[in-house]
Amino acid sequence: MTKICTSVQELLAATGGETSELSAGERAHLDNCAACSAAREREVRLARLLETALPPEDASFQEAVMSALAPRRRRRRALALLPAAAALLLTLAGTVLLGGVPAGGLFAQVPAWSSHGWVALAATAHDWMIAVNATCRAMALLPPLVPIAAVAVSLAGLLALLGAARRWRAVHHSGRR
């Protein structure tokens, strides 16, 4: 296909097969080129088909369709944010449970909970909020692989917590006997 063929066929596609936009040289080419004439016929047939297949523009119909789609869009946006929120939550949980900066970690506080341990828990919750704030600020500065690594560390932290809880439970139950 020559350069003129490409140009003529693009103009035909843009105008639905109309030749009014073509220059005199392009019209002469259209009369002499079988490929471009066939492309024009296809575009004309497609334009006719679209005229009969598409309903006329109706503002109320368009508004009804768009309003029906709005809840789905909101739901899809919320679902699209769900993995990011879960990753952030896992990252924060790993940070807090493993004694991340600046908190001493809830994991370190678990055996110390007692009647006066609620003060320590409140202090840890405050430290957790500081860690959440610092993490949110840092997320904007980090490359995309860092949150993925943070999720991996968080999952490792959760596994470590489960292992420690099992050991602590075994020690706790063996002391009761």
C-alpha atoms as a PDB file:
ATOM      1  CA  MET A   1       0.000   0.000   0.000  1.00  0.00           C
ATOM      2  CA  THR A   2       1.421   3.354  -0.986  1.00  0.00           C
ATOM      3  CA  LYS A   3       1.547   6.484   1.109  1.00  0.00           C
ATOM      4  CA  ILE A   4      -1.298   8.066  -0.881  1.00  0.00           C
ATOM      5  CA  CYS A   5      -3.428   4.929  -0.349  1.00  0.00           C
ATOM      6  CA  THR A   6      -2.866   5.140   3.397  1.00  0.00           C
ATOM      7  CA  SER A   7      -3.750   8.836   3.436  1.00  0.00           C
ATOM      8  CA  VAL A   8      -6.899   8.403   1.339  1.00  0.00           C
ATOM      9  CA  GLN A   9      -8.114   5.402   3.341  1.00  0.00           C
ATOM     10  CA  GLU A  10      -7.572   7.218   6.641  1.00  0.00           C
ATOM     11  CA  LEU A  11      -9.606  10.178   5.398  1.00  0.00           C
ATOM     12  CA  LEU A  12     -12.345   7.844   4.170  1.00  0.00           C
ATOM     13  CA  ALA A  13     -12.448   6.120   7.562  1.00  0.00           C
ATOM     14  CA  ALA A  14     -12.669   9.482   9.336  1.00  0.00           C
ATOM     15  CA  THR A  15     -15.494  10.755   7.120  1.00  0.00           C
ATOM     16  CA  GLY A  16     -17.491   7.553   6.779  1.00  0.00           C
ATOM     17  CA  GLY A  17     -16.695   7.175   3.071  1.00  0.00           C
ATOM     18  CA  GLU A  18     -17.479  10.796   2.137  1.00  0.00           C
ATOM     19  CA  THR A  19     -15.171  12.210  -0.527  1.00  0.00           C
ATOM     20  CA  SER A  20     -15.833  15.908   0.110  1.00  0.00           C
ATOM     21  CA  GLU A  21     -12.743  16.170   2.348  1.00  0.00           C
ATOM     22  CA  LEU A  22     -10.466  14.712  -0.335  1.00  0.00           C
ATOM     23  CA  SER A  23      -8.332  16.907  -2.573  1.00  0.00           C
ATOM     24  CA  ALA A  24      -8.595  16.701  -6.368  1.00  0.00           C
ATOM     25  CA  GLY A  25      -5.464  14.527  -6.539  1.00  0.00           C
ATOM     26  CA  GLU A  26      -6.825  12.195  -3.856  1.00  0.00           C
ATOM     27  CA  ARG A  27     -10.160  11.903  -5.700  1.00  0.00           C
ATOM     28  CA  ALA A  28      -8.312  11.059  -8.907  1.00  0.00           C
ATOM     29  CA  HIS A  29      -6.365   8.390  -6.999  1.00  0.00           C
ATOM     30  CA  LEU A  30      -9.635   7.031  -5.566  1.00  0.00           C
ATOM     31  CA  ASP A  31     -11.059   6.675  -9.108  1.00  0.00           C
ATOM     32  CA  ASN A  32      -7.967   4.758 -10.311  1.00  0.00           C
ATOM     33  CA  CYS A  33      -7.137   2.608  -7.232  1.00  0.00           C
ATOM     34  CA  ALA A  34      -9.180  -0.563  -6.684  1.00  0.00           C
ATOM     35  CA  ALA A  35      -8.045  -0.953  -3.038  1.00  0.00           C
ATOM     36  CA  CYS A  36      -9.080   2.580  -2.125  1.00  0.00           C
ATOM     37  CA  SER A  37     -12.412   2.243  -3.984  1.00  0.00           C
ATOM     38  CA  ALA A  38     -13.106  -0.987  -2.062  1.00  0.00           C
ATOM     39  CA  ALA A  39     -12.200   0.773   1.204  1.00  0.00           C
ATOM     40  CA  ARG A  40     -14.626   3.586   0.349  1.00  0.00           C
ATOM     41  CA  GLU A  41     -17.422   1.089  -0.294  1.00  0.00           C
ATOM     42  CA  ARG A  42     -16.730  -0.622   3.046  1.00  0.00           C
ATOM     43  CA  GLU A  43     -16.817   2.715   4.864  1.00  0.00           C
ATOM     44  CA  VAL A  44     -20.085   3.728   3.178  1.00  0.00           C
ATOM     45  CA  ARG A  45     -21.688   0.370   4.096  1.00  0.00           C
ATOM     46  CA  LEU A  46     -20.416   0.675   7.660  1.00  0.00           C
ATOM     47  CA  ALA A  47     -21.817   4.220   7.955  1.00  0.00           C
ATOM     48  CA  ARG A  48     -25.235   3.001   6.747  1.00  0.00           C
ATOM     49  CA  LEU A  49     -25.155   0.099   9.171  1.00  0.00           C
ATOM     50  CA  LEU A  50     -24.287   2.377  12.079  1.00  0.00           C
ATOM     51  CA  GLU A  51     -27.085   4.787  11.163  1.00  0.00           C
ATOM     52  CA  THR A  52     -29.646   1.994  11.452  1.00  0.00           C
ATOM     53  CA  ALA A  53     -28.042   0.148  14.382  1.00  0.00           C
ATOM     54  CA  LEU A  54     -27.491   3.081  16.735  1.00  0.00           C
ATOM     55  CA  PRO A  55     -30.516   4.695  18.335  1.00  0.00           C
ATOM     56  CA  PRO A  56     -30.948   8.436  17.914  1.00  0.00           C
ATOM     57  CA  GLU A  57     -29.458  10.589  20.641  1.00  0.00           C
ATOM     58  CA  ASP A  58     -31.846  10.959  23.536  1.00  0.00           C
ATOM     59  CA  ALA A  59     -30.630  12.970  26.517  1.00  0.00           C
ATOM     60  CA  SER A  60     -33.010  11.335  28.990  1.00  0.00           C
ATOM     61  CA  PHE A  61     -31.989   7.855  27.818  1.00  0.00           C
ATOM     62  CA  GLN A  62     -28.305   8.745  28.154  1.00  0.00           C
ATOM     63  CA  GLU A  63     -28.870  10.118  31.662  1.00  0.00           C
ATOM     64  CA  ALA A  64     -30.753   6.970  32.668  1.00  0.00           C
ATOM     65  CA  VAL A  65     -27.944   4.753  31.418  1.00  0.00           C
ATOM     66  CA  MET A  66     -25.239   6.844  33.074  1.00  0.00           C
ATOM     67  CA  SER A  67     -27.107   6.984  36.386  1.00  0.00           C
ATOM     68  CA  ALA A  68     -27.564   3.209  36.273  1.00  0.00           C
ATOM     69  CA  LEU A  69     -23.809   2.785  35.731  1.00  0.00           C
ATOM     70  CA  ALA A  70     -22.797   5.175  38.530  1.00  0.00           C
ATOM     71  CA  PRO A  71     -23.196   2.671  41.423  1.00  0.00           C
ATOM     72  CA  ARG A  72     -21.145   0.108  39.506  1.00  0.00           C
ATOM     73  CA  ARG A  73     -18.387   2.647  38.949  1.00  0.00           C
ATOM     74  CA  ARG A  74     -18.286   3.499  42.660  1.00  0.00           C
ATOM     75  CA  ARG A  75     -18.250  -0.200  43.541  1.00  0.00           C
ATOM     76  CA  ARG A  76     -15.460  -0.887  41.051  1.00  0.00           C
ATOM     77  CA  ARG A  77     -13.427   2.020  42.390  1.00  0.00           C
ATOM     78  CA  ALA A  78     -13.853   0.732  45.928  1.00  0.00           C
ATOM     79  CA  LEU A  79     -12.881  -2.781  44.859  1.00  0.00           C
ATOM     80  CA  ALA A  80      -9.867  -1.422  43.007  1.00  0.00           C
ATOM     81  CA  LEU A  81      -8.662   0.236  46.228  1.00  0.00           C
ATOM     82  CA  LEU A  82      -9.208  -2.890  48.311  1.00  0.00           C
ATOM     83  CA  PRO A  83      -5.872  -4.596  47.492  1.00  0.00           C
ATOM     84  CA  ALA A  84      -3.965  -1.389  48.229  1.00  0.00           C
ATOM     85  CA  ALA A  85      -5.803  -0.970  51.530  1.00  0.00           C
ATOM     86  CA  ALA A  86      -5.147  -4.607  52.469  1.00  0.00           C
ATOM     87  CA  ALA A  87      -1.451  -4.231  51.636  1.00  0.00           C
ATOM     88  CA  LEU A  88      -1.234  -1.073  53.724  1.00  0.00           C
ATOM     89  CA  LEU A  89      -3.021  -2.763  56.609  1.00  0.00           C
ATOM     90  CA  LEU A  90      -0.683  -5.752  56.462  1.00  0.00           C
ATOM     91  CA  THR A  91       2.314  -3.446  56.312  1.00  0.00           C
ATOM     92  CA  LEU A  92       1.120  -1.494  59.321  1.00  0.00           C
ATOM     93  CA  ALA A  93       0.275  -4.665  61.216  1.00  0.00           C
ATOM     94  CA  GLY A  94       3.743  -6.046  60.517  1.00  0.00           C
ATOM     95  CA  THR A  95       5.322  -2.784  61.615  1.00  0.00           C
ATOM     96  CA  VAL A  96       3.386  -2.674  64.863  1.00  0.00           C
ATOM     97  CA  LEU A  97       3.620  -6.363  65.694  1.00  0.00           C
ATOM     98  CA  LEU A  98       7.322  -6.625  65.022  1.00  0.00           C
ATOM     99  CA  GLY A  99       8.163  -3.496  66.981  1.00  0.00           C
ATOM    100  CA  GLY A 100       8.524  -1.150  64.053  1.00  0.00           C
ATOM    101  CA  VAL A 101       9.536   2.462  64.264  1.00  0.00           C
ATOM    102  CA  PRO A 102       8.690   4.230  66.597  1.00  0.00           C
ATOM    103  CA  ALA A 103       6.529   1.782  68.531  1.00  0.00           C
ATOM    104  CA  GLY A 104       7.829  -0.866  70.898  1.00  0.00           C
ATOM    105  CA  GLY A 105       5.277  -3.123  69.271  1.00  0.00           C
ATOM    106  CA  LEU A 106       2.136  -4.802  70.480  1.00  0.00           C
ATOM    107  CA  PHE A 107       3.952  -8.117  70.281  1.00  0.00           C
ATOM    108  CA  ALA A 108       6.283  -7.005  73.052  1.00  0.00           C
ATOM    109  CA  GLN A 109       3.311  -5.877  75.164  1.00  0.00           C
ATOM    110  CA  VAL A 110       1.244  -9.082  74.985  1.00  0.00           C
ATOM    111  CA  PRO A 111       2.622 -10.828  78.123  1.00  0.00           C
ATOM    112  CA  ALA A 112       2.655  -7.547  80.087  1.00  0.00           C
ATOM    113  CA  TRP A 113      -1.048  -6.841  79.806  1.00  0.00           C
ATOM    114  CA  SER A 114      -2.491  -6.519  83.282  1.00  0.00           C
ATOM    115  CA  SER A 115      -4.586  -4.043  85.194  1.00  0.00           C
ATOM    116  CA  HIS A 116      -1.966  -1.348  84.637  1.00  0.00           C
ATOM    117  CA  GLY A 117      -1.135  -2.697  81.181  1.00  0.00           C
ATOM    118  CA  TRP A 118      -3.989  -0.704  79.636  1.00  0.00           C
ATOM    119  CA  VAL A 119      -1.864   2.426  79.991  1.00  0.00           C
ATOM    120  CA  ALA A 120       0.899   0.675  78.068  1.00  0.00           C
ATOM    121  CA  LEU A 121      -1.663  -0.423  75.476  1.00  0.00           C
ATOM    122  CA  ALA A 122      -2.899   3.177  75.068  1.00  0.00           C
ATOM    123  CA  ALA A 123       0.696   4.363  74.626  1.00  0.00           C
ATOM    124  CA  THR A 124       1.279   1.625  72.071  1.00  0.00           C
ATOM    125  CA  ALA A 125      -1.890   2.639  70.210  1.00  0.00           C
ATOM    126  CA  HIS A 126      -0.567   6.204  70.086  1.00  0.00           C
ATOM    127  CA  ASP A 127       2.754   4.927  68.772  1.00  0.00           C
ATOM    128  CA  TRP A 128       0.811   2.898  66.220  1.00  0.00           C
ATOM    129  CA  MET A 129      -0.920   6.051  64.976  1.00  0.00           C
ATOM    130  CA  ILE A 130       2.491   7.709  64.610  1.00  0.00           C
ATOM    131  CA  ALA A 131       3.683   4.692  62.615  1.00  0.00           C
ATOM    132  CA  VAL A 132       0.558   4.881  60.410  1.00  0.00           C
ATOM    133  CA  ASN A 133       1.159   8.574  59.756  1.00  0.00           C
ATOM    134  CA  ALA A 134       4.838   8.003  58.950  1.00  0.00           C
ATOM    135  CA  THR A 135       3.966   5.097  56.665  1.00  0.00           C
ATOM    136  CA  CYS A 136       1.393   7.150  54.758  1.00  0.00           C
ATOM    137  CA  ARG A 137       3.908   9.940  54.199  1.00  0.00           C
ATOM    138  CA  ALA A 138       6.611   7.495  53.132  1.00  0.00           C
ATOM    139  CA  MET A 139       4.333   5.664  50.659  1.00  0.00           C
ATOM    140  CA  ALA A 140       4.278   8.737  48.417  1.00  0.00           C
ATOM    141  CA  LEU A 141       8.079   8.787  48.224  1.00  0.00           C
ATOM    142  CA  LEU A 142       8.770   5.088  47.702  1.00  0.00           C
ATOM    143  CA  PRO A 143       9.144   3.164  44.469  1.00  0.00           C
ATOM    144  CA  PRO A 144       6.422   0.557  43.777  1.00  0.00           C
ATOM    145  CA  LEU A 145       8.539  -2.443  44.808  1.00  0.00           C
ATOM    146  CA  VAL A 146       8.942  -1.196  48.376  1.00  0.00           C
ATOM    147  CA  PRO A 147       5.266  -1.693  49.368  1.00  0.00           C
ATOM    148  CA  ILE A 148       5.419  -5.178  47.880  1.00  0.00           C
ATOM    149  CA  ALA A 149       8.453  -5.933  50.013  1.00  0.00           C
ATOM    150  CA  ALA A 150       6.661  -4.417  53.014  1.00  0.00           C
ATOM    151  CA  VAL A 151       3.737  -6.775  52.489  1.00  0.00           C
ATOM    152  CA  ALA A 152       6.154  -9.701  52.372  1.00  0.00           C
ATOM    153  CA  VAL A 153       7.745  -8.532  55.632  1.00  0.00           C
ATOM    154  CA  SER A 154       4.294  -8.095  57.162  1.00  0.00           C
ATOM    155  CA  LEU A 155       3.278 -11.608  56.200  1.00  0.00           C
ATOM    156  CA  ALA A 156       6.513 -12.907  57.683  1.00  0.00           C
ATOM    157  CA  GLY A 157       5.702 -10.925  60.818  1.00  0.00           C
ATOM    158  CA  LEU A 158       2.253 -12.447  61.048  1.00  0.00           C
ATOM    159  CA  LEU A 159       3.758 -15.923  60.679  1.00  0.00           C
ATOM    160  CA  ALA A 160       6.276 -15.090  63.410  1.00  0.00           C
ATOM    161  CA  LEU A 161       3.446 -13.866  65.622  1.00  0.00           C
ATOM    162  CA  LEU A 162       1.522 -17.087  65.101  1.00  0.00           C
ATOM    163  CA  GLY A 163       4.612 -19.133  65.929  1.00  0.00           C
ATOM    164  CA  ALA A 164       5.308 -17.091  69.053  1.00  0.00           C
ATOM    165  CA  ALA A 165       1.669 -17.299  70.141  1.00  0.00           C
ATOM    166  CA  ARG A 166       1.747 -21.095  69.819  1.00  0.00           C
ATOM    167  CA  ARG A 167       4.943 -21.276  71.889  1.00  0.00           C
ATOM    168  CA  TRP A 168       3.577 -18.832  74.454  1.00  0.00           C
ATOM    169  CA  ARG A 169       0.361 -20.817  74.699  1.00  0.00           C
ATOM    170  CA  ALA A 170       2.309 -24.034  75.204  1.00  0.00           C
ATOM    171  CA  VAL A 171       4.408 -22.400  77.945  1.00  0.00           C
ATOM    172  CA  HIS A 172       1.335 -20.808  79.503  1.00  0.00           C
ATOM    173  CA  HIS A 173      -0.623 -24.089  79.538  1.00  0.00           C
ATOM    174  CA  SER A 174       2.304 -26.140  80.828  1.00  0.00           C
ATOM    175  CA  GLY A 175       2.638 -23.749  83.805  1.00  0.00           C
ATOM    176  CA  ARG A 176      -0.998 -24.367  84.872  1.00  0.00           C
ATOM    177  CA  ARG A 177      -0.578 -28.078  85.416  1.00  0.00           C
END
